[in-house]
Amino acid sequence: MHLQLDKAALVLAELGAPILIAKVNADKFTRLARKYEIDGFPTLKIFMHGVPTDYFGPRKAELLVQYLKKFVASDVAILKSDSDIINFVEAAGTDFPIYVGFGVDESMISNLAIKYKKKAWFSVAKDFSEDVMVLYDFDKVPALASFHPNYNEHSIFYGPFEDQFLEAFIKQNLFPLVLPINRETLKLLKDDDRKVVLTIVEDEEDEKSKELIKLLKAAASANRDLVFGYVGFKQWEEFSESFEITKRTKLPKMVVWDGNEEYFSVIGSESIDEHDQGSQITRFLEGYREGSVIQKQISGQSFMGYINSLIGMRLIYIIVFMVAVIMLLQTINKEEPLRVGTRDTNDGGSSSTSPAESKEVHRSGDKED
């Protein structure tokens, strides 16, 4: 890993707004390690304007450079032609979702672009042709388009262009419709307070699983107040076992996970048969929203435990990324620093709260279908 960081450092130091990479021996500078709550190695942090942020991006030199470039990019890129738009989307790469406003004033999204700068690319197109409208599949303006290059997904928002609706669209499209749960993507969930509709399959590479994922995408598009994800028992057995999954469990199985210690099984939907899976998914969601659930505790690590388990313990360096002094001239004061921790289970005041939040527990005297 040190070689990759050294390679990236040479490139990042030559940027117009250079990014500096520093390595700190945590065994020697123990006070500094305690200050920033370092408990595993290597730990990577980004410092922007003195505010530390945990880094979960790629670590290969070329990907690291591309990833970190966005932290010194403009909050909102101004695109003035078709070629500007195409070049922006290509240069953004595949590590972040991309938002392009067509016929949208910069002021409409600037505050949200600052707030979500660490998670997405933002731009507004001032001039574009009908060819671009066809290419990006929108038929009127103003429109805000979101793209997920890694998952070949895009979505269009036509308004209303008020902060609460804009932010809801941006948050909902930070993830693909159905998120593959693995050691990298799990970290993305830590700041999202939505419940996770988790589908556990035997092997996510199996053709039957891929067909099921297509059906889950249709359900996800109609239930954006929930995050949909899937994991293969073969790909991540330890994580799957936290939801009472064993080699004898009939899969696929769906649960609703709160992202921390609890999850819900829906009565009568313990597993999914091979036939008419779309209807079974619909019944599962209806049962959850009606509160026909059994509340359970995960049997393995909590969400925080899984995040911590992703940190290796072999190296003894803290890697610190520091944006150069020139970037201090920019202000992103309204941005909240990211923190690693268990997700907040208090959903009070959220309009997306489902009846399952009443945590109705299946009693021994109740009958199961």
Protein backbone atom coordinates (compact mmCIF):
# COMPACT_ATOMS: atom_id res chain seq x y z
CA MET A 1 0.00 0.00 0.00
CA HIS A 2 2.86 2.38 0.75
CA LEU A 3 4.07 2.13 -2.84
CA GLN A 4 0.61 3.06 -4.13
CA LEU A 5 0.48 6.09 -1.84
CA ASP A 6 3.93 7.20 -2.93
CA LYS A 7 2.93 6.99 -6.59
CA ALA A 8 -0.29 8.92 -5.97
CA ALA A 9 1.54 11.58 -3.95
CA LEU A 10 3.77 12.51 -6.90
CA VAL A 11 0.74 13.13 -9.14
CA LEU A 12 -1.39 14.91 -6.54
CA ALA A 13 1.43 17.29 -5.60
CA GLU A 14 1.52 18.57 -9.20
CA LEU A 15 -2.15 19.58 -9.36
CA GLY A 16 -3.06 23.25 -9.70
CA ALA A 17 -4.57 22.93 -6.23
CA PRO A 18 -2.18 20.33 -4.83
CA ILE A 19 -3.19 17.61 -2.41
CA LEU A 20 -0.57 16.54 0.08
CA ILE A 21 -0.24 13.01 1.45
CA ALA A 22 1.30 12.58 4.88
CA LYS A 23 2.08 9.36 6.74
CA VAL A 24 2.15 9.29 10.53
CA ASN A 25 3.51 6.51 12.73
CA ALA A 26 0.71 5.98 15.24
CA ASP A 27 2.92 3.93 17.56
CA LYS A 28 5.22 6.91 17.98
CA PHE A 29 2.65 9.73 17.94
CA THR A 30 0.14 8.14 20.29
CA ARG A 31 -1.38 11.43 21.43
CA LEU A 32 -2.26 12.32 17.83
CA ALA A 33 -3.75 8.86 17.31
CA ARG A 34 -5.94 9.26 20.40
CA LYS A 35 -7.04 12.73 19.31
CA TYR A 36 -8.45 11.38 16.07
CA GLU A 37 -9.73 8.13 17.64
CA ILE A 38 -7.49 5.83 15.63
CA ASP A 39 -8.00 2.21 16.70
CA GLY A 40 -6.96 0.23 13.62
CA PHE A 41 -4.33 0.35 10.92
CA PRO A 42 -4.04 1.55 8.27
CA THR A 43 -6.59 4.33 8.88
CA LEU A 44 -7.06 6.88 6.13
CA LYS A 45 -8.50 10.33 6.75
CA ILE A 46 -9.09 13.37 4.59
CA PHE A 47 -8.58 16.80 6.15
CA MET A 48 -10.50 19.60 4.46
CA HIS A 49 -10.28 23.01 6.11
CA GLY A 50 -9.10 21.25 9.26
CA VAL A 51 -12.12 18.95 9.42
CA PRO A 52 -11.25 15.20 9.35
CA THR A 53 -13.31 12.81 7.27
CA ASP A 54 -12.93 9.05 7.16
CA TYR A 55 -11.77 7.84 3.77
CA PHE A 56 -13.29 4.70 2.27
CA GLY A 57 -12.29 5.12 -1.37
CA PRO A 58 -9.98 3.06 -3.58
CA ARG A 59 -6.31 2.65 -2.67
CA LYS A 60 -4.63 1.87 -5.98
CA ALA A 61 -2.58 4.87 -7.11
CA GLU A 62 -4.45 5.76 -10.31
CA LEU A 63 -7.89 5.32 -8.72
CA LEU A 64 -6.81 7.20 -5.61
CA VAL A 65 -5.73 10.19 -7.71
CA GLN A 66 -9.01 10.26 -9.62
CA TYR A 67 -11.01 9.93 -6.42
CA LEU A 68 -9.23 12.71 -4.55
CA LYS A 69 -9.31 15.17 -7.45
CA LYS A 70 -12.99 15.81 -6.78
CA PHE A 71 -12.18 17.24 -3.36
CA VAL A 72 -10.41 20.19 -4.98
CA ALA A 73 -12.87 20.55 -7.86
CA SER A 74 -15.55 23.24 -8.05
CA ASP A 75 -18.65 22.58 -5.99
CA VAL A 76 -20.75 23.02 -9.15
CA ALA A 77 -19.14 22.78 -12.58
CA ILE A 78 -20.54 25.16 -15.25
CA LEU A 79 -20.96 23.44 -18.62
CA LYS A 80 -21.44 25.62 -21.69
CA SER A 81 -21.67 23.18 -24.58
CA ASP A 82 -22.44 19.60 -25.55
CA SER A 83 -18.75 18.73 -25.50
CA ASP A 84 -18.39 20.24 -22.01
CA ILE A 85 -21.18 17.97 -20.76
CA ILE A 86 -19.77 14.81 -22.32
CA ASN A 87 -16.24 15.60 -21.15
CA PHE A 88 -17.44 16.32 -17.60
CA VAL A 89 -19.28 13.00 -17.34
CA GLU A 90 -16.29 11.10 -18.70
CA ALA A 91 -13.78 12.89 -16.47
CA ALA A 92 -15.92 12.31 -13.36
CA GLY A 93 -15.18 8.59 -13.57
CA THR A 94 -17.23 5.87 -11.92
CA ASP A 95 -16.56 6.19 -8.19
CA PHE A 96 -19.27 8.82 -7.52
CA PRO A 97 -22.80 9.43 -8.77
CA ILE A 98 -23.05 12.41 -11.14
CA TYR A 99 -25.74 15.12 -11.16
CA VAL A 100 -26.23 17.43 -14.15
CA GLY A 101 -28.82 20.21 -14.07
CA PHE A 102 -30.25 21.13 -17.48
CA GLY A 103 -31.81 24.57 -17.56
CA VAL A 104 -31.25 24.72 -13.80
CA ASP A 105 -29.77 27.83 -12.18
CA GLU A 106 -26.57 27.19 -10.24
CA SER A 107 -28.06 28.82 -7.13
CA MET A 108 -30.77 26.15 -6.98
CA ILE A 109 -28.33 23.36 -6.19
CA SER A 110 -25.23 25.13 -4.85
CA ASN A 111 -26.00 24.60 -1.16
CA LEU A 112 -26.80 20.92 -1.70
CA ALA A 113 -23.71 20.52 -3.89
CA ILE A 114 -21.62 21.79 -0.99
CA LYS A 115 -23.39 19.52 1.48
CA TYR A 116 -22.90 16.40 -0.65
CA LYS A 117 -19.56 17.35 -2.19
CA LYS A 118 -17.85 14.30 -0.71
CA LYS A 119 -20.39 11.93 -2.21
CA ALA A 120 -21.19 13.13 -5.73
CA TRP A 121 -20.27 15.34 -8.70
CA PHE A 122 -22.51 18.33 -9.44
CA SER A 123 -22.84 20.50 -12.54
CA VAL A 124 -25.27 22.71 -14.46
CA ALA A 125 -25.47 22.83 -18.24
CA LYS A 126 -26.02 26.37 -19.55
CA ASP A 127 -26.31 25.43 -23.21
CA PHE A 128 -27.06 22.10 -24.87
CA SER A 129 -28.65 20.65 -27.99
CA GLU A 130 -31.59 18.33 -28.58
CA ASP A 131 -29.04 15.59 -29.20
CA VAL A 132 -27.99 15.86 -25.55
CA MET A 133 -31.63 15.65 -24.47
CA VAL A 134 -31.96 12.41 -26.40
CA LEU A 135 -28.61 11.10 -25.13
CA TYR A 136 -29.52 11.71 -21.48
CA ASP A 137 -33.20 10.84 -21.92
CA PHE A 138 -35.08 13.95 -20.77
CA ASP A 139 -37.72 15.84 -22.72
CA LYS A 140 -38.19 19.15 -20.94
CA VAL A 141 -36.39 21.67 -18.77
CA PRO A 142 -35.60 22.41 -16.05
CA ALA A 143 -34.42 18.89 -15.27
CA LEU A 144 -31.85 17.39 -12.92
CA ALA A 145 -30.31 14.15 -14.18
CA SER A 146 -28.46 11.66 -11.99
CA PHE A 147 -26.09 9.01 -13.32
CA HIS A 148 -24.54 5.91 -11.79
CA PRO A 149 -21.83 4.93 -14.31
CA ASN A 150 -20.84 1.81 -12.35
CA TYR A 151 -24.39 0.45 -12.48
CA ASN A 152 -25.55 1.87 -15.82
CA GLU A 153 -28.47 3.66 -14.14
CA HIS A 154 -29.85 7.15 -14.49
CA SER A 155 -32.86 9.08 -13.20
CA ILE A 156 -34.52 12.40 -14.09
CA PHE A 157 -36.06 14.93 -11.69
CA TYR A 158 -38.44 17.56 -13.08
CA GLY A 159 -39.22 19.37 -9.86
CA PRO A 160 -40.49 21.01 -7.80
CA PHE A 161 -37.10 22.68 -7.40
CA GLU A 162 -37.36 23.40 -3.71
CA ASP A 163 -34.66 22.36 -1.25
CA GLN A 164 -36.62 19.59 0.45
CA PHE A 165 -37.59 17.89 -2.81
CA LEU A 166 -34.20 18.40 -4.42
CA GLU A 167 -32.42 16.96 -1.41
CA ALA A 168 -34.74 13.96 -1.31
CA PHE A 169 -33.94 13.21 -4.96
CA ILE A 170 -30.19 13.64 -4.41
CA LYS A 171 -30.15 11.39 -1.32
CA GLN A 172 -32.24 8.70 -2.98
CA ASN A 173 -29.92 8.57 -5.97
CA LEU A 174 -26.62 8.42 -4.10
CA PHE A 175 -27.04 4.63 -4.27
CA PRO A 176 -28.03 2.44 -7.22
CA LEU A 177 -31.56 1.05 -7.12
CA VAL A 178 -30.29 -2.20 -5.59
CA LEU A 179 -26.97 -1.97 -3.78
CA PRO A 180 -24.66 -5.01 -3.74
CA ILE A 181 -23.59 -5.42 -0.12
CA ASN A 182 -19.88 -6.10 0.25
CA ARG A 183 -16.98 -4.81 2.31
CA GLU A 184 -16.77 -1.62 0.28
CA THR A 185 -20.41 -0.68 -0.30
CA LEU A 186 -21.43 -1.40 3.30
CA LYS A 187 -19.53 1.73 4.32
CA LEU A 188 -21.80 3.86 2.13
CA LEU A 189 -24.81 3.06 4.32
CA LYS A 190 -23.47 4.57 7.52
CA ASP A 191 -24.89 8.05 6.90
CA ASP A 192 -28.26 6.99 5.46
CA ASP A 193 -31.11 6.69 7.95
CA ARG A 194 -33.40 4.62 5.71
CA LYS A 195 -34.15 0.99 6.49
CA VAL A 196 -32.47 -1.61 4.28
CA VAL A 197 -34.55 -4.21 2.45
CA LEU A 198 -31.90 -6.91 2.35
CA THR A 199 -32.20 -9.93 0.08
CA ILE A 200 -29.84 -12.82 0.81
CA VAL A 201 -29.21 -15.18 -2.11
CA GLU A 202 -27.03 -18.28 -2.34
CA ASP A 203 -24.72 -16.92 -5.04
CA GLU A 204 -25.12 -13.41 -6.39
CA GLU A 205 -23.36 -14.45 -9.63
CA ASP A 206 -25.96 -17.12 -10.37
CA GLU A 207 -28.36 -16.35 -13.24
CA LYS A 208 -31.40 -16.91 -11.02
CA SER A 209 -30.05 -14.32 -8.60
CA LYS A 210 -29.51 -11.83 -11.41
CA GLU A 211 -33.11 -12.24 -12.54
CA LEU A 212 -34.30 -11.67 -8.97
CA ILE A 213 -32.20 -8.50 -8.74
CA LYS A 214 -34.02 -7.14 -11.81
CA LEU A 215 -37.33 -7.60 -9.98
CA LEU A 216 -35.89 -5.93 -6.88
CA LYS A 217 -34.96 -2.90 -8.99
CA ALA A 218 -38.59 -2.50 -10.04
CA ALA A 219 -39.68 -2.66 -6.39
CA ALA A 220 -36.95 -0.23 -5.34
CA SER A 221 -38.02 2.39 -7.89
CA ALA A 222 -41.50 2.41 -6.32
CA ASN A 223 -40.24 2.43 -2.69
CA ARG A 224 -37.54 5.10 -2.54
CA ASP A 225 -38.05 5.61 1.20
CA LEU A 226 -36.19 2.31 1.61
CA VAL A 227 -32.71 1.18 0.54
CA PHE A 228 -32.66 -2.12 -1.35
CA GLY A 229 -29.58 -4.32 -1.15
CA TYR A 230 -28.51 -7.89 -1.77
CA VAL A 231 -25.71 -10.17 -0.62
CA GLY A 232 -24.62 -13.64 -1.65
CA PHE A 233 -24.18 -16.25 1.10
CA LYS A 234 -21.31 -17.63 -0.96
CA GLN A 235 -19.72 -14.18 -1.28
CA TRP A 236 -20.06 -13.11 2.38
CA GLU A 237 -21.07 -15.96 4.64
CA GLU A 238 -20.15 -14.22 7.90
CA PHE A 239 -22.40 -11.23 7.19
CA SER A 240 -25.29 -13.43 6.04
CA GLU A 241 -25.13 -15.54 9.20
CA SER A 242 -25.95 -12.44 11.25
CA PHE A 243 -29.52 -12.80 9.94
CA GLU A 244 -29.90 -16.45 11.02
CA ILE A 245 -28.80 -17.75 7.63
CA THR A 246 -27.07 -21.13 7.51
CA LYS A 247 -26.20 -23.55 4.74
CA ARG A 248 -29.57 -25.24 5.41
CA THR A 249 -31.63 -22.05 5.09
CA LYS A 250 -33.93 -21.89 2.09
CA LEU A 251 -32.75 -18.98 -0.03
CA PRO A 252 -33.45 -16.35 -1.28
CA LYS A 253 -34.65 -14.73 1.92
CA MET A 254 -35.67 -11.11 2.55
CA VAL A 255 -35.41 -9.10 5.78
CA VAL A 256 -35.64 -5.42 6.68
CA TRP A 257 -32.53 -4.25 8.54
CA ASP A 258 -32.26 -1.04 10.55
CA GLY A 259 -28.53 -0.85 9.83
CA ASN A 260 -27.58 -1.49 13.43
CA GLU A 261 -28.62 -4.22 15.83
CA GLU A 262 -32.17 -5.05 14.74
CA TYR A 263 -33.94 -6.48 11.75
CA PHE A 264 -37.46 -7.60 10.88
CA SER A 265 -38.75 -10.81 9.32
CA VAL A 266 -42.14 -10.53 7.66
CA ILE A 267 -44.62 -13.17 8.78
CA GLY A 268 -45.48 -15.51 5.90
CA SER A 269 -42.51 -14.32 3.79
CA GLU A 270 -39.66 -16.29 5.30
CA SER A 271 -38.23 -17.17 1.88
CA ILE A 272 -38.86 -16.57 -1.82
CA ASP A 273 -39.92 -19.39 -4.12
CA GLU A 274 -38.78 -19.60 -7.72
CA HIS A 275 -42.20 -18.88 -9.18
CA ASP A 276 -43.87 -15.45 -9.39
CA GLN A 277 -41.16 -13.75 -7.37
CA GLY A 278 -42.47 -10.27 -8.22
CA SER A 279 -45.70 -10.95 -6.34
CA GLN A 280 -43.78 -12.37 -3.38
CA ILE A 281 -41.64 -9.23 -3.17
CA THR A 282 -44.81 -7.12 -3.22
CA ARG A 283 -46.38 -9.18 -0.41
CA PHE A 284 -43.19 -8.90 1.63
CA LEU A 285 -43.23 -5.09 1.39
CA GLU A 286 -46.95 -4.92 2.15
CA GLY A 287 -46.47 -7.12 5.21
CA TYR A 288 -43.62 -4.94 6.45
CA ARG A 289 -45.58 -1.71 6.04
CA GLU A 290 -48.60 -3.24 7.77
CA GLY A 291 -46.43 -4.20 10.75
CA SER A 292 -46.83 -7.97 10.31
CA VAL A 293 -43.29 -8.59 11.44
CA ILE A 294 -41.07 -10.39 13.91
CA GLN A 295 -38.44 -8.14 15.44
CA LYS A 296 -35.04 -9.78 15.94
CA GLN A 297 -31.50 -8.96 17.00
CA ILE A 298 -28.66 -9.66 14.63
CA SER A 299 -26.56 -12.56 15.87
CA GLY A 300 -23.19 -11.25 14.71
CA GLN A 301 -21.48 -7.89 14.69
CA SER A 302 -23.39 -4.62 14.63
CA PHE A 303 -23.07 -2.27 11.68
CA MET A 304 -20.29 -0.49 13.57
CA GLY A 305 -18.64 -3.83 14.16
CA TYR A 306 -18.60 -4.61 10.47
CA ILE A 307 -17.16 -1.20 9.66
CA ASN A 308 -14.37 -1.75 12.19
CA SER A 309 -13.72 -5.26 10.90
CA LEU A 310 -12.93 -3.82 7.49
CA ILE A 311 -9.85 -2.06 8.89
CA GLY A 312 -6.70 -4.16 8.67
CA MET A 313 -4.29 -4.45 11.60
CA ARG A 314 -0.99 -5.18 9.86
CA LEU A 315 0.46 -1.74 9.17
CA ILE A 316 1.30 0.96 11.69
CA TYR A 317 0.63 4.13 9.73
CA ILE A 318 -2.15 6.66 9.69
CA ILE A 319 -2.47 8.09 6.21
CA VAL A 320 -3.63 11.68 6.21
CA PHE A 321 -4.74 13.50 3.09
CA MET A 322 -4.49 17.29 3.41
CA VAL A 323 -5.87 19.72 0.87
CA ALA A 324 -3.39 22.50 0.14
CA VAL A 325 -3.67 25.93 1.77
CA ILE A 326 -5.04 27.42 -1.42
CA MET A 327 -8.27 25.52 -0.88
CA LEU A 328 -8.83 27.31 2.42
CA LEU A 329 -10.02 30.25 0.35
CA GLN A 330 -13.10 28.25 -0.50
CA THR A 331 -15.82 27.95 2.11
CA ILE A 332 -17.88 24.90 2.76
CA ASN A 333 -18.96 25.91 6.23
CA LYS A 334 -22.40 24.46 5.87
CA GLU A 335 -21.10 20.95 5.38
CA GLU A 336 -21.36 18.52 8.27
CA PRO A 337 -18.29 16.30 8.81
CA LEU A 338 -18.82 12.59 8.30
CA ARG A 339 -18.44 10.42 11.36
CA VAL A 340 -18.13 6.69 11.66
CA GLY A 341 -20.61 5.18 14.07
CA THR A 342 -23.77 3.21 14.32
CA ARG A 343 -26.69 4.68 12.47
CA ASP A 344 -29.27 6.76 14.34
CA THR A 345 -32.28 4.61 15.05
CA ASN A 346 -34.50 7.59 15.89
CA ASP A 347 -36.64 8.21 12.81
CA GLY A 348 -38.94 10.69 14.48
CA GLY A 349 -40.21 13.37 12.17
CA SER A 350 -39.45 11.42 9.00
CA SER A 351 -42.28 11.22 6.52
CA SER A 352 -41.03 7.83 5.33
CA THR A 353 -41.61 6.05 8.66
CA SER A 354 -43.49 2.82 8.02
CA PRO A 355 -45.97 1.03 10.27
CA ALA A 356 -43.20 -1.46 11.01
CA GLU A 357 -41.59 1.19 13.16
CA SER A 358 -44.12 0.31 15.84
CA LYS A 359 -41.96 -2.82 16.18
CA GLU A 360 -44.92 -5.17 16.49
CA VAL A 361 -43.51 -8.43 17.79
CA HIS A 362 -44.91 -11.82 16.81
CA ARG A 363 -46.17 -13.45 20.00
CA SER A 364 -46.14 -17.16 20.72
CA GLY A 365 -49.94 -17.28 20.61
CA ASP A 366 -50.17 -15.76 17.14
CA LYS A 367 -50.70 -18.01 14.15
CA GLU A 368 -48.44 -18.09 11.14
CA ASP A 369 -49.74 -18.67 7.64
